[in-house]
Amino acid sequence: MIIDTHCHLNDEELYKDYKNVVKRAKEAGITTLFVVGWDYESSKQAIEIAESDENIFAIVGYHPCNIEGVSDEEFDKTMSLLDHPKVVALGEIGLDYYWVKETEKRECQKRFFIRQINEANKHNLPISIHCRDAIDDCLRVLKENHVNKGGVMHCYSGGPEYMNEFLKVGMYISLGGPVTFKNAKAPKEVAIKVPFDKLLVETDSPYLAPHPLRGSVNEPANTLLVVQEIARLRNVSEEEVAEQTTKNAKRLFNI
């Protein structure tokens, strides 16, 4: 049993054939999927997909690149989705400075990040964090705004030093396709050094397909390739990685 803790079956690339995508995942041993939203519509769609299968769950919220123009009414409507029984976390939330360069827009991202952390605490849910080119500010926000139920650094791309700081504020570390890339020094080092009981796996599909499928449309079935690479790096069996990361995901997301 393997859990893909972050996929986007609600992305148009996968949604058009998502039932077959799920079937291929199960055939590969990926028994449980977390479908992640990035705004109101995608969050609502994540729940609809989760309702179609007892082993699919939803994560709902606003990606930092999708917060512009969100009214209070829409925000409240999205946060009301957190009460749905198939929702296991609020996400993917956080900071993205790769796409956003303006100082005021970055400050807006931070305020929205904190706003969503407060909602997660109100609903007793963990969070799934997107952090791109913003690791210092992301860590600062988490240090200054306690997350009651913890969370996960989705597709973590930092090094071991920052990893330890995120662990201190209650975050788990999730690795996806990049850990399989031949020149991916930081993710491989993290895969070796992260405490086994704080490690999760994911695909972020349809993005970031692992080696040797890099550049193709990614699918949850490819979580197996991530597990295999982590097992190789840690010098343990695939079964051990699958078992431990599944146990970790169940603990964090309370399923």
Foldseek 3Di string as FASTA:
>chain_A
DFEAEEAACVPPVNVVPVVVLQVLQVVLVHQAYEHEAAFQVSQVVQVVVCVVDVRYAYAFEHALVRPPPQDPVRRVVRLVCCPDPRYQAHDDAEAACPVPPDPVSRVVSLVRRLVVLVSCQVSVHEYEYEDHPCLVVRLVSLVVRQRPLAEEDEQDQDAPVSVVSSVVSRYAYEHEQLCQDPPSVRSLRCLQPGDLLRYAYHHHFLPRQHPPVPPHGHGSSSSLVVLVSSCVSNVHDSVSSRVNNVVSCCSSRVD
